Amino acid sequence: DVFGMRIEQYDNGYTVWKYNLADKADARSFTDNKFYWVPLSRDEMNKAPQLQQNPGYN
């Protein structure tokens, strides 16, 4: 599911992240487990060779 979020920043620099789980923007379900992950960029993987690509993105 996807929920909205409102970010408020005040004059004193204080930032508040507000969300309400009752305000559902979209109900989603994925048919393939790879969609629960995002692919790592090749640049990031080159910087840290110990990283492995997320499932489904090899």
Foldseek 3Di string as FASTA:
>chain_A
DDWDWDWDADPVRDIDIDTDPVRHPDDDDDPDPCVVDDWDDPVVCVVPVVDDTGPPPD
